[in-house]
């Protein structure tokens, strides 16, 4: 059984591709790439077909993490597998997903897995320009997410 992990943000050029790339690296390092498939999408369609934001590309390169994906919009078919974790970057993303597709049993915010008491939303660096902080939050959330999936799915 393959576990699917879909990271979702607004435009799929900043946070969700960053999370996809970071999580894929962690999955590869854990030797689980044959059991966990990783992808990302956006709730909006403004950037469909575009490469990741230059700030996302730059921070990933600084950490030696490759990424060559293109932005796409989330589809209903992304949510139909019972083995899919939908990982949103903030509450607005969750609200958009629920409005369009209804609830999903494995719909979470990434920072739900970070083991922190602070905020649960990852700020959008498209507006803030703070890709460094976003990277730190994404990495923290991805590490916790992988640990949770390994425990829940017995991987």
C-alpha atoms as a PDB file:
ATOM      1  CA  UNK A   1       0.000   0.000   0.000  1.00  0.00           C
ATOM      2  CA  UNK A   2       1.358   3.373  -1.029  1.00  0.00           C
ATOM      3  CA  UNK A   3       0.780   6.412   1.143  1.00  0.00           C
ATOM      4  CA  UNK A   4       0.158   9.641  -0.775  1.00  0.00           C
ATOM      5  CA  UNK A   5       1.081  13.008   0.730  1.00  0.00           C
ATOM      6  CA  UNK A   6      -0.201  16.153  -0.964  1.00  0.00           C
ATOM      7  CA  UNK A   7       1.021  19.518   0.274  1.00  0.00           C
ATOM      8  CA  UNK A   8      -1.349  22.409  -0.462  1.00  0.00           C
ATOM      9  CA  UNK A   9      -0.944  26.177  -0.351  1.00  0.00           C
ATOM     10  CA  UNK A  10      -2.541  29.058  -2.219  1.00  0.00           C
ATOM     11  CA  UNK A  11      -0.641  29.247  -5.514  1.00  0.00           C
ATOM     12  CA  UNK A  12       1.697  26.214  -5.383  1.00  0.00           C
ATOM     13  CA  UNK A  13       4.842  28.241  -6.012  1.00  0.00           C
ATOM     14  CA  UNK A  14       6.175  28.968  -2.493  1.00  0.00           C
ATOM     15  CA  UNK A  15       5.199  26.911   0.542  1.00  0.00           C
ATOM     16  CA  UNK A  16       3.755  23.691  -0.865  1.00  0.00           C
ATOM     17  CA  UNK A  17       6.550  23.024  -3.378  1.00  0.00           C
ATOM     18  CA  UNK A  18       9.054  23.780  -0.622  1.00  0.00           C
ATOM     19  CA  UNK A  19       7.306  21.271   1.634  1.00  0.00           C
ATOM     20  CA  UNK A  20       7.114  18.737  -1.197  1.00  0.00           C
ATOM     21  CA  UNK A  21      10.861  18.987  -1.820  1.00  0.00           C
ATOM     22  CA  UNK A  22      11.838  18.891   1.870  1.00  0.00           C
ATOM     23  CA  UNK A  23       9.517  15.979   2.605  1.00  0.00           C
ATOM     24  CA  UNK A  24      10.704  14.059  -0.473  1.00  0.00           C
ATOM     25  CA  UNK A  25      14.287  14.415   0.747  1.00  0.00           C
ATOM     26  CA  UNK A  26      13.313  13.081   4.185  1.00  0.00           C
ATOM     27  CA  UNK A  27      11.374  10.193   2.606  1.00  0.00           C
ATOM     28  CA  UNK A  28      14.352   9.330   0.393  1.00  0.00           C
ATOM     29  CA  UNK A  29      16.771   9.484   3.333  1.00  0.00           C
ATOM     30  CA  UNK A  30      14.488   7.141   5.300  1.00  0.00           C
ATOM     31  CA  UNK A  31      14.432   4.666   2.407  1.00  0.00           C
ATOM     32  CA  UNK A  32      10.655   5.001   2.038  1.00  0.00           C
ATOM     33  CA  UNK A  33      10.348   6.387  -1.496  1.00  0.00           C
ATOM     34  CA  UNK A  34       8.766   3.123  -2.653  1.00  0.00           C
ATOM     35  CA  UNK A  35       6.057   3.458   0.020  1.00  0.00           C
ATOM     36  CA  UNK A  36       5.350   7.198   0.148  1.00  0.00           C
ATOM     37  CA  UNK A  37       4.484   9.361  -2.882  1.00  0.00           C
ATOM     38  CA  UNK A  38       4.831  13.121  -2.469  1.00  0.00           C
ATOM     39  CA  UNK A  39       3.184  15.905  -4.473  1.00  0.00           C
ATOM     40  CA  UNK A  40       1.939  19.468  -4.093  1.00  0.00           C
ATOM     41  CA  UNK A  41      -0.825  21.664  -5.491  1.00  0.00           C
ATOM     42  CA  UNK A  42      -2.453  25.031  -4.961  1.00  0.00           C
ATOM     43  CA  UNK A  43      -6.017  26.006  -4.191  1.00  0.00           C
ATOM     44  CA  UNK A  44      -5.807  28.771  -6.811  1.00  0.00           C
ATOM     45  CA  UNK A  45      -5.037  28.574 -10.513  1.00  0.00           C
ATOM     46  CA  UNK A  46      -3.023  31.786 -10.992  1.00  0.00           C
ATOM     47  CA  UNK A  47       0.372  30.107 -11.291  1.00  0.00           C
ATOM     48  CA  UNK A  48      -0.509  26.805 -13.017  1.00  0.00           C
ATOM     49  CA  UNK A  49       2.454  25.626 -15.081  1.00  0.00           C
ATOM     50  CA  UNK A  50       4.973  27.978 -13.472  1.00  0.00           C
ATOM     51  CA  UNK A  51       8.180  26.959 -11.735  1.00  0.00           C
ATOM     52  CA  UNK A  52       8.558  27.484  -8.000  1.00  0.00           C
ATOM     53  CA  UNK A  53       9.074  31.069  -6.820  1.00  0.00           C
ATOM     54  CA  UNK A  54      12.733  32.175  -7.078  1.00  0.00           C
ATOM     55  CA  UNK A  55      12.831  32.548  -3.276  1.00  0.00           C
ATOM     56  CA  UNK A  56      11.728  28.932  -2.846  1.00  0.00           C
ATOM     57  CA  UNK A  57      14.230  27.758  -5.443  1.00  0.00           C
ATOM     58  CA  UNK A  58      17.016  29.714  -3.749  1.00  0.00           C
ATOM     59  CA  UNK A  59      16.367  28.399  -0.216  1.00  0.00           C
ATOM     60  CA  UNK A  60      16.077  24.819  -1.458  1.00  0.00           C
ATOM     61  CA  UNK A  61      19.368  25.178  -3.365  1.00  0.00           C
ATOM     62  CA  UNK A  62      21.032  26.559  -0.221  1.00  0.00           C
ATOM     63  CA  UNK A  63      20.026  23.333   1.551  1.00  0.00           C
ATOM     64  CA  UNK A  64      21.032  21.072  -1.340  1.00  0.00           C
ATOM     65  CA  UNK A  65      17.466  20.016  -2.107  1.00  0.00           C
ATOM     66  CA  UNK A  66      16.526  19.618  -5.776  1.00  0.00           C
ATOM     67  CA  UNK A  67      13.113  20.666  -7.083  1.00  0.00           C
ATOM     68  CA  UNK A  68      11.894  20.994 -10.651  1.00  0.00           C
ATOM     69  CA  UNK A  69       8.124  20.718 -10.285  1.00  0.00           C
ATOM     70  CA  UNK A  70       5.545  22.992 -11.848  1.00  0.00           C
ATOM     71  CA  UNK A  71       2.548  24.570 -10.160  1.00  0.00           C
ATOM     72  CA  UNK A  72      -0.847  22.949 -10.535  1.00  0.00           C
ATOM     73  CA  UNK A  73      -4.262  23.334  -8.970  1.00  0.00           C
ATOM     74  CA  UNK A  74      -5.635  20.743  -6.576  1.00  0.00           C
ATOM     75  CA  UNK A  75      -8.212  18.407  -8.140  1.00  0.00           C
ATOM     76  CA  UNK A  76     -10.991  16.310  -6.658  1.00  0.00           C
ATOM     77  CA  UNK A  77      -9.095  13.175  -7.703  1.00  0.00           C
ATOM     78  CA  UNK A  78      -6.255  14.235  -5.375  1.00  0.00           C
ATOM     79  CA  UNK A  79      -8.550  13.682  -2.415  1.00  0.00           C
ATOM     80  CA  UNK A  80     -10.238  10.408  -3.353  1.00  0.00           C
ATOM     81  CA  UNK A  81      -7.655   7.905  -2.137  1.00  0.00           C
ATOM     82  CA  UNK A  82      -8.159   6.771   1.458  1.00  0.00           C
ATOM     83  CA  UNK A  83      -4.363   6.582   1.795  1.00  0.00           C
ATOM     84  CA  UNK A  84      -3.872  10.285   1.085  1.00  0.00           C
ATOM     85  CA  UNK A  85      -2.737  12.856   3.612  1.00  0.00           C
ATOM     86  CA  UNK A  86      -3.722  16.383   2.580  1.00  0.00           C
ATOM     87  CA  UNK A  87      -1.305  18.762   4.281  1.00  0.00           C
ATOM     88  CA  UNK A  88      -2.270  22.437   4.106  1.00  0.00           C
ATOM     89  CA  UNK A  89      -0.015  25.335   4.975  1.00  0.00           C
ATOM     90  CA  UNK A  90      -2.625  27.434   6.774  1.00  0.00           C
ATOM     91  CA  UNK A  91      -6.228  27.561   7.919  1.00  0.00           C
ATOM     92  CA  UNK A  92      -7.329  29.491   4.825  1.00  0.00           C
ATOM     93  CA  UNK A  93      -6.081  26.589   2.671  1.00  0.00           C
ATOM     94  CA  UNK A  94      -8.082  24.154   4.805  1.00  0.00           C
ATOM     95  CA  UNK A  95     -11.183  26.330   4.544  1.00  0.00           C
ATOM     96  CA  UNK A  96     -10.791  26.547   0.744  1.00  0.00           C
ATOM     97  CA  UNK A  97     -10.357  22.777   0.430  1.00  0.00           C
ATOM     98  CA  UNK A  98     -13.383  22.053   2.618  1.00  0.00           C
ATOM     99  CA  UNK A  99     -15.491  24.576   0.702  1.00  0.00           C
ATOM    100  CA  UNK A 100     -14.595  23.015  -2.662  1.00  0.00           C
ATOM    101  CA  UNK A 101     -14.391  19.330  -1.773  1.00  0.00           C
ATOM    102  CA  UNK A 102     -15.956  18.769   1.643  1.00  0.00           C
ATOM    103  CA  UNK A 103     -14.112  17.348   4.608  1.00  0.00           C
ATOM    104  CA  UNK A 104     -11.348  14.764   4.318  1.00  0.00           C
ATOM    105  CA  UNK A 105     -10.358  12.403   7.164  1.00  0.00           C
ATOM    106  CA  UNK A 106      -6.660  13.148   6.734  1.00  0.00           C
ATOM    107  CA  UNK A 107      -6.704  16.903   6.212  1.00  0.00           C
ATOM    108  CA  UNK A 108      -4.202  18.680   8.452  1.00  0.00           C
ATOM    109  CA  UNK A 109      -2.040  21.771   8.677  1.00  0.00           C
ATOM    110  CA  UNK A 110       1.666  21.020   8.407  1.00  0.00           C
ATOM    111  CA  UNK A 111       2.457  22.649  11.729  1.00  0.00           C
ATOM    112  CA  UNK A 112      -0.011  20.298  13.447  1.00  0.00           C
ATOM    113  CA  UNK A 113       2.956  17.899  13.326  1.00  0.00           C
ATOM    114  CA  UNK A 114       5.605  20.314  14.577  1.00  0.00           C
ATOM    115  CA  UNK A 115       5.027  19.769  18.299  1.00  0.00           C
ATOM    116  CA  UNK A 116       4.832  23.463  19.007  1.00  0.00           C
ATOM    117  CA  UNK A 117       2.499  25.551  21.124  1.00  0.00           C
ATOM    118  CA  UNK A 118       2.588  28.598  18.854  1.00  0.00           C
ATOM    119  CA  UNK A 119       0.709  29.354  15.668  1.00  0.00           C
ATOM    120  CA  UNK A 120      -0.281  26.614  13.303  1.00  0.00           C
ATOM    121  CA  UNK A 121      -0.172  28.628  10.058  1.00  0.00           C
ATOM    122  CA  UNK A 122       2.937  28.921   7.905  1.00  0.00           C
ATOM    123  CA  UNK A 123       3.095  32.517   6.655  1.00  0.00           C
ATOM    124  CA  UNK A 124       3.098  33.005   2.898  1.00  0.00           C
ATOM    125  CA  UNK A 125       6.554  34.227   1.798  1.00  0.00           C
ATOM    126  CA  UNK A 126       5.042  35.447  -1.477  1.00  0.00           C
ATOM    127  CA  UNK A 127       3.835  38.383   0.625  1.00  0.00           C
ATOM    128  CA  UNK A 128       6.440  38.479   3.430  1.00  0.00           C
ATOM    129  CA  UNK A 129       9.597  37.607   1.488  1.00  0.00           C
ATOM    130  CA  UNK A 130      10.803  35.606   4.513  1.00  0.00           C
ATOM    131  CA  UNK A 131      11.704  32.309   2.872  1.00  0.00           C
ATOM    132  CA  UNK A 132      14.257  31.471   5.575  1.00  0.00           C
ATOM    133  CA  UNK A 133      11.681  31.358   8.389  1.00  0.00           C
ATOM    134  CA  UNK A 134       9.232  29.494   6.169  1.00  0.00           C
ATOM    135  CA  UNK A 135      11.900  26.906   5.388  1.00  0.00           C
ATOM    136  CA  UNK A 136      12.570  26.375   9.107  1.00  0.00           C
ATOM    137  CA  UNK A 137       8.842  25.902   9.805  1.00  0.00           C
ATOM    138  CA  UNK A 138       8.409  23.588   6.811  1.00  0.00           C
ATOM    139  CA  UNK A 139      11.363  21.432   7.838  1.00  0.00           C
ATOM    140  CA  UNK A 140      10.096  21.179  11.420  1.00  0.00           C
ATOM    141  CA  UNK A 141       6.612  20.220  10.239  1.00  0.00           C
ATOM    142  CA  UNK A 142       7.898  17.726   7.664  1.00  0.00           C
ATOM    143  CA  UNK A 143      10.035  15.905  10.227  1.00  0.00           C
ATOM    144  CA  UNK A 144       7.043  15.563  12.540  1.00  0.00           C
ATOM    145  CA  UNK A 145       4.764  14.546   9.681  1.00  0.00           C
ATOM    146  CA  UNK A 146       7.101  11.779   8.564  1.00  0.00           C
ATOM    147  CA  UNK A 147       7.343  10.464  12.116  1.00  0.00           C
ATOM    148  CA  UNK A 148       3.529  10.511  12.425  1.00  0.00           C
ATOM    149  CA  UNK A 149       3.005   8.731   9.102  1.00  0.00           C
ATOM    150  CA  UNK A 150       5.602   6.105   9.976  1.00  0.00           C
ATOM    151  CA  UNK A 151       3.827   5.446  13.266  1.00  0.00           C
ATOM    152  CA  UNK A 152       0.281   5.470  11.879  1.00  0.00           C
ATOM    153  CA  UNK A 153       1.052   3.434   8.775  1.00  0.00           C
ATOM    154  CA  UNK A 154       3.618   1.171  10.485  1.00  0.00           C
ATOM    155  CA  UNK A 155       6.409   2.007   8.009  1.00  0.00           C
END
